[in-house]
PDB file of N, CA and C in Angstrom:
ATOM      1  N   UNK A   1      16.779  36.910   9.828  1.00  0.00           N
ATOM      2  CA  UNK A   1      17.674  36.305  10.781  1.00  0.00           C
ATOM      3  C   UNK A   1      18.620  37.353  11.367  1.00  0.00           C
ATOM      4  N   UNK A   2      19.086  38.246  10.517  1.00  0.00           N
ATOM      5  CA  UNK A   2      19.986  39.305  10.995  1.00  0.00           C
ATOM      6  C   UNK A   2      19.257  40.221  11.968  1.00  0.00           C
ATOM      7  N   UNK A   3      17.996  40.503  11.664  1.00  0.00           N
ATOM      8  CA  UNK A   3      17.199  41.351  12.553  1.00  0.00           C
ATOM      9  C   UNK A   3      17.020  40.685  13.925  1.00  0.00           C
ATOM     10  N   UNK A   4      16.765  39.387  13.942  1.00  0.00           N
ATOM     11  CA  UNK A   4      16.603  38.663  15.210  1.00  0.00           C
ATOM     12  C   UNK A   4      17.901  38.649  16.005  1.00  0.00           C
ATOM     13  N   UNK A   5      19.013  38.377  15.332  1.00  0.00           N
ATOM     14  CA  UNK A   5      20.299  38.344  16.021  1.00  0.00           C
ATOM     15  C   UNK A   5      20.684  39.720  16.557  1.00  0.00           C
ATOM     16  N   UNK A   6      20.414  40.747  15.751  1.00  0.00           N
ATOM     17  CA  UNK A   6      20.717  42.108  16.196  1.00  0.00           C
ATOM     18  C   UNK A   6      19.858  42.494  17.395  1.00  0.00           C
ATOM     19  N   UNK A   7      18.573  42.198  17.318  1.00  0.00           N
ATOM     20  CA  UNK A   7      17.674  42.503  18.433  1.00  0.00           C
ATOM     21  C   UNK A   7      18.043  41.734  19.691  1.00  0.00           C
ATOM     22  N   UNK A   8      18.400  40.457  19.540  1.00  0.00           N
ATOM     23  CA  UNK A   8      18.827  39.667  20.686  1.00  0.00           C
ATOM     24  C   UNK A   8      20.098  40.193  21.306  1.00  0.00           C
ATOM     25  N   UNK A   9      21.056  40.571  20.461  1.00  0.00           N
ATOM     26  CA  UNK A   9      22.314  41.137  20.960  1.00  0.00           C
ATOM     27  C   UNK A   9      22.098  42.456  21.684  1.00  0.00           C
ATOM     28  N   UNK A  10      21.269  43.306  21.114  1.00  0.00           N
ATOM     29  CA  UNK A  10      20.972  44.583  21.762  1.00  0.00           C
ATOM     30  C   UNK A  10      20.264  44.351  23.092  1.00  0.00           C
ATOM     31  N   UNK A  11      19.342  43.390  23.126  1.00  0.00           N
ATOM     32  CA  UNK A  11      18.636  43.080  24.366  1.00  0.00           C
ATOM     33  C   UNK A  11      19.568  42.575  25.452  1.00  0.00           C
ATOM     34  N   UNK A  12      20.505  41.718  25.078  1.00  0.00           N
ATOM     35  CA  UNK A  12      21.471  41.206  26.045  1.00  0.00           C
ATOM     36  C   UNK A  12      22.358  42.329  26.557  1.00  0.00           C
ATOM     37  N   UNK A  13      22.834  43.170  25.660  1.00  0.00           N
ATOM     38  CA  UNK A  13      23.697  44.290  26.055  1.00  0.00           C
ATOM     39  C   UNK A  13      22.943  45.261  26.967  1.00  0.00           C
ATOM     40  N   UNK A  14      21.693  45.579  26.613  1.00  0.00           N
ATOM     41  CA  UNK A  14      20.906  46.490  27.454  1.00  0.00           C
ATOM     42  C   UNK A  14      20.616  45.870  28.828  1.00  0.00           C
ATOM     43  N   UNK A  15      20.341  44.580  28.855  1.00  0.00           N
ATOM     44  CA  UNK A  15      20.071  43.919  30.130  1.00  0.00           C
ATOM     45  C   UNK A  15      21.289  43.909  31.038  1.00  0.00           C
ATOM     46  N   UNK A  16      22.445  43.569  30.473  1.00  0.00           N
ATOM     47  CA  UNK A  16      23.683  43.563  31.261  1.00  0.00           C
ATOM     48  C   UNK A  16      24.051  44.984  31.687  1.00  0.00           C
ATOM     49  N   UNK A  17      23.898  45.939  30.771  1.00  0.00           N
ATOM     50  CA  UNK A  17      24.218  47.334  31.093  1.00  0.00           C
ATOM     51  C   UNK A  17      23.329  47.897  32.188  1.00  0.00           C
ATOM     52  N   UNK A  18      22.037  47.611  32.102  1.00  0.00           N
ATOM     53  CA  UNK A  18      21.108  48.081  33.126  1.00  0.00           C
ATOM     54  C   UNK A  18      21.435  47.465  34.483  1.00  0.00           C
ATOM     55  N   UNK A  19      21.753  46.174  34.486  1.00  0.00           N
ATOM     56  CA  UNK A  19      22.117  45.504  35.737  1.00  0.00           C
ATOM     57  C   UNK A  19      23.385  46.093  36.330  1.00  0.00           C
ATOM     58  N   UNK A  20      24.357  46.388  35.472  1.00  0.00           N
ATOM     59  CA  UNK A  20      25.613  46.969  35.938  1.00  0.00           C
ATOM     60  C   UNK A  20      25.382  48.355  36.543  1.00  0.00           C
ATOM     61  N   UNK A  21      24.606  49.174  35.859  1.00  0.00           N
ATOM     62  CA  UNK A  21      24.329  50.528  36.357  1.00  0.00           C
ATOM     63  C   UNK A  21      23.573  50.474  37.679  1.00  0.00           C
ATOM     64  N   UNK A  22      22.583  49.584  37.768  1.00  0.00           N
ATOM     65  CA  UNK A  22      21.825  49.433  39.012  1.00  0.00           C
ATOM     66  C   UNK A  22      22.745  48.992  40.151  1.00  0.00           C
ATOM     67  N   UNK A  23      23.624  48.036  39.880  1.00  0.00           N
ATOM     68  CA  UNK A  23      24.556  47.566  40.913  1.00  0.00           C
ATOM     69  C   UNK A  23      25.543  48.671  41.306  1.00  0.00           C
ATOM     70  N   UNK A  24      25.975  49.449  40.341  1.00  0.00           N
ATOM     71  CA  UNK A  24      26.935  50.529  40.618  1.00  0.00           C
ATOM     72  C   UNK A  24      26.335  51.575  41.547  1.00  0.00           C
ATOM     73  N   UNK A  25      25.114  52.019  41.245  1.00  0.00           N
ATOM     74  CA  UNK A  25      24.488  53.056  42.057  1.00  0.00           C
ATOM     75  C   UNK A  25      23.969  52.528  43.390  1.00  0.00           C
ATOM     76  N   UNK A  26      23.731  51.240  43.479  1.00  0.00           N
ATOM     77  CA  UNK A  26      23.290  50.636  44.736  1.00  0.00           C
ATOM     78  C   UNK A  26      24.467  50.194  45.601  1.00  0.00           C
ATOM     79  N   UNK A  27      25.672  50.377  45.088  1.00  0.00           N
ATOM     80  CA  UNK A  27      26.901  49.970  45.784  1.00  0.00           C
ATOM     81  C   UNK A  27      26.936  48.458  46.023  1.00  0.00           C
ATOM     82  N   UNK A  28      26.406  47.705  45.068  1.00  0.00           N
ATOM     83  CA  UNK A  28      26.438  46.256  45.131  1.00  0.00           C
ATOM     84  C   UNK A  28      27.533  45.745  44.214  1.00  0.00           C
ATOM     85  N   UNK A  29      27.954  44.526  44.454  1.00  0.00           N
ATOM     86  CA  UNK A  29      28.952  43.905  43.586  1.00  0.00           C
ATOM     87  C   UNK A  29      28.240  43.367  42.351  1.00  0.00           C
ATOM     88  N   UNK A  30      28.813  43.618  41.172  1.00  0.00           N
ATOM     89  CA  UNK A  30      28.221  43.140  39.924  1.00  0.00           C
ATOM     90  C   UNK A  30      28.895  41.843  39.517  1.00  0.00           C
ATOM     91  N   UNK A  31      28.105  40.780  39.453  1.00  0.00           N
ATOM     92  CA  UNK A  31      28.610  39.488  39.016  1.00  0.00           C
ATOM     93  C   UNK A  31      27.695  39.000  37.904  1.00  0.00           C
ATOM     94  N   UNK A  32      28.293  38.677  36.770  1.00  0.00           N
ATOM     95  CA  UNK A  32      27.505  38.184  35.651  1.00  0.00           C
ATOM     96  C   UNK A  32      27.931  36.760  35.333  1.00  0.00           C
ATOM     97  N   UNK A  33      26.954  35.890  35.249  1.00  0.00           N
ATOM     98  CA  UNK A  33      27.195  34.506  34.878  1.00  0.00           C
ATOM     99  C   UNK A  33      26.781  34.324  33.418  1.00  0.00           C
ATOM    100  N   UNK A  34      27.665  33.761  32.626  1.00  0.00           N
ATOM    101  CA  UNK A  34      27.324  33.524  31.224  1.00  0.00           C
ATOM    102  C   UNK A  34      26.198  32.508  31.098  1.00  0.00           C
ATOM    103  N   UNK A  35      26.123  31.576  32.040  1.00  0.00           N
ATOM    104  CA  UNK A  35      25.050  30.589  32.014  1.00  0.00           C
ATOM    105  C   UNK A  35      23.696  31.244  32.208  1.00  0.00           C
ATOM    106  N   UNK A  36      23.627  32.285  33.009  1.00  0.00           N
ATOM    107  CA  UNK A  36      22.339  32.955  33.203  1.00  0.00           C
ATOM    108  C   UNK A  36      21.884  33.646  31.927  1.00  0.00           C
ATOM    109  N   UNK A  37      22.815  34.193  31.159  1.00  0.00           N
ATOM    110  CA  UNK A  37      22.464  34.826  29.883  1.00  0.00           C
ATOM    111  C   UNK A  37      21.975  33.762  28.905  1.00  0.00           C
ATOM    112  N   UNK A  38      22.694  32.658  28.814  1.00  0.00           N
ATOM    113  CA  UNK A  38      22.310  31.579  27.904  1.00  0.00           C
ATOM    114  C   UNK A  38      20.970  30.984  28.310  1.00  0.00           C
ATOM    115  N   UNK A  39      20.776  30.781  29.609  1.00  0.00           N
ATOM    116  CA  UNK A  39      19.516  30.231  30.104  1.00  0.00           C
ATOM    117  C   UNK A  39      18.357  31.179  29.833  1.00  0.00           C
ATOM    118  N   UNK A  40      18.569  32.469  30.040  1.00  0.00           N
ATOM    119  CA  UNK A  40      17.514  33.449  29.773  1.00  0.00           C
ATOM    120  C   UNK A  40      17.114  33.484  28.318  1.00  0.00           C
ATOM    121  N   UNK A  41      18.079  33.431  27.423  1.00  0.00           N
ATOM    122  CA  UNK A  41      17.784  33.417  25.988  1.00  0.00           C
ATOM    123  C   UNK A  41      17.060  32.123  25.622  1.00  0.00           C
ATOM    124  N   UNK A  42      17.510  31.012  26.178  1.00  0.00           N
ATOM    125  CA  UNK A  42      16.873  29.729  25.890  1.00  0.00           C
ATOM    126  C   UNK A  42      15.440  29.664  26.376  1.00  0.00           C
ATOM    127  N   UNK A  43      15.195  30.186  27.566  1.00  0.00           N
ATOM    128  CA  UNK A  43      13.828  30.202  28.098  1.00  0.00           C
ATOM    129  C   UNK A  43      12.938  31.075  27.232  1.00  0.00           C
ATOM    130  N   UNK A  44      13.454  32.211  26.805  1.00  0.00           N
ATOM    131  CA  UNK A  44      12.668  33.114  25.958  1.00  0.00           C
ATOM    132  C   UNK A  44      12.314  32.450  24.630  1.00  0.00           C
ATOM    133  N   UNK A  45      13.310  31.839  23.977  1.00  0.00           N
ATOM    134  CA  UNK A  45      13.051  31.214  22.680  1.00  0.00           C
ATOM    135  C   UNK A  45      12.245  29.928  22.811  1.00  0.00           C
ATOM    136  N   UNK A  46      12.159  29.351  23.976  1.00  0.00           N
ATOM    137  CA  UNK A  46      11.288  28.209  24.189  1.00  0.00           C
ATOM    138  C   UNK A  46       9.879  28.630  24.577  1.00  0.00           C
ATOM    139  N   UNK A  47       9.762  29.715  25.322  1.00  0.00           N
ATOM    140  CA  UNK A  47       8.474  30.172  25.825  1.00  0.00           C
ATOM    141  C   UNK A  47       7.611  30.777  24.725  1.00  0.00           C
ATOM    142  N   UNK A  48       8.199  31.580  23.874  1.00  0.00           N
ATOM    143  CA  UNK A  48       7.406  32.282  22.851  1.00  0.00           C
ATOM    144  C   UNK A  48       6.691  31.328  21.890  1.00  0.00           C
ATOM    145  N   UNK A  49       7.363  30.335  21.295  1.00  0.00           N
ATOM    146  CA  UNK A  49       6.622  29.406  20.428  1.00  0.00           C
ATOM    147  C   UNK A  49       5.588  28.578  21.191  1.00  0.00           C
ATOM    148  N   UNK A  50       5.903  28.204  22.426  1.00  0.00           N
ATOM    149  CA  UNK A  50       4.952  27.424  23.216  1.00  0.00           C
ATOM    150  C   UNK A  50       3.712  28.250  23.535  1.00  0.00           C
ATOM    151  N   UNK A  51       3.896  29.505  23.812  1.00  0.00           N
ATOM    152  CA  UNK A  51       2.757  30.388  24.105  1.00  0.00           C
ATOM    153  C   UNK A  51       1.885  30.564  22.868  1.00  0.00           C
ATOM    154  N   UNK A  52       2.515  30.725  21.717  1.00  0.00           N
ATOM    155  CA  UNK A  52       1.768  30.858  20.471  1.00  0.00           C
ATOM    156  C   UNK A  52       0.997  29.580  20.173  1.00  0.00           C
ATOM    157  N   UNK A  53       1.625  28.430  20.374  1.00  0.00           N
ATOM    158  CA  UNK A  53       0.959  27.153  20.113  1.00  0.00           C
ATOM    159  C   UNK A  53      -0.189  26.918  21.091  1.00  0.00           C
ATOM    160  N   UNK A  54      -0.042  27.373  22.321  1.00  0.00           N
ATOM    161  CA  UNK A  54      -1.096  27.168  23.317  1.00  0.00           C
ATOM    162  C   UNK A  54      -2.346  27.981  22.994  1.00  0.00           C
ATOM    163  N   UNK A  55      -2.198  29.041  22.250  1.00  0.00           N
ATOM    164  CA  UNK A  55      -3.348  29.878  21.889  1.00  0.00           C
ATOM    165  C   UNK A  55      -4.133  29.324  20.704  1.00  0.00           C
ATOM    166  N   UNK A  56      -3.580  28.346  19.986  1.00  0.00           N
ATOM    167  CA  UNK A  56      -4.254  27.800  18.815  1.00  0.00           C
ATOM    168  C   UNK A  56      -5.355  26.830  19.221  1.00  0.00           C
ATOM    169  N   UNK A  57      -6.354  26.738  18.380  1.00  0.00           N
ATOM    170  CA  UNK A  57      -7.390  25.738  18.564  1.00  0.00           C
ATOM    171  C   UNK A  57      -6.767  24.380  18.223  1.00  0.00           C
ATOM    172  N   UNK A  58      -6.846  23.386  19.108  1.00  0.00           N
ATOM    173  CA  UNK A  58      -6.172  22.108  18.872  1.00  0.00           C
ATOM    174  C   UNK A  58      -6.592  21.416  17.577  1.00  0.00           C
ATOM    175  N   UNK A  59      -7.855  21.461  17.233  1.00  0.00           N
ATOM    176  CA  UNK A  59      -8.325  20.796  16.007  1.00  0.00           C
ATOM    177  C   UNK A  59      -7.743  21.485  14.772  1.00  0.00           C
ATOM    178  N   UNK A  60      -7.767  22.811  14.762  1.00  0.00           N
ATOM    179  CA  UNK A  60      -7.211  23.542  13.614  1.00  0.00           C
ATOM    180  C   UNK A  60      -5.705  23.365  13.531  1.00  0.00           C
ATOM    181  N   UNK A  61      -5.021  23.278  14.674  1.00  0.00           N
ATOM    182  CA  UNK A  61      -3.575  23.109  14.663  1.00  0.00           C
ATOM    183  C   UNK A  61      -3.176  21.746  14.093  1.00  0.00           C
ATOM    184  N   UNK A  62      -3.980  20.727  14.368  1.00  0.00           N
ATOM    185  CA  UNK A  62      -3.657  19.388  13.848  1.00  0.00           C
ATOM    186  C   UNK A  62      -3.882  19.289  12.343  1.00  0.00           C
ATOM    187  N   UNK A  63      -4.835  20.046  11.812  1.00  0.00           N
ATOM    188  CA  UNK A  63      -5.153  19.948  10.399  1.00  0.00           C
ATOM    189  C   UNK A  63      -4.427  20.961   9.535  1.00  0.00           C
ATOM    190  N   UNK A  64      -3.640  21.831  10.115  1.00  0.00           N
ATOM    191  CA  UNK A  64      -2.946  22.823   9.283  1.00  0.00           C
ATOM    192  C   UNK A  64      -1.490  22.484   9.112  1.00  0.00           C
TER     193      UNK A  64
END
């Protein structure tokens, strides 16, 4: 659990940092919405299990 939280935190920090640097060098205004970070994390944690489940054989998934 600590590894997942650490990796998620590092990913969020790197994503925000990369966006900030890109906006700085492009002379764009940097605006960060906390909802976009929460939504991105939620989509990721919803997509990964769904993708794994979609790859399973339905008959084997029901019996395991």
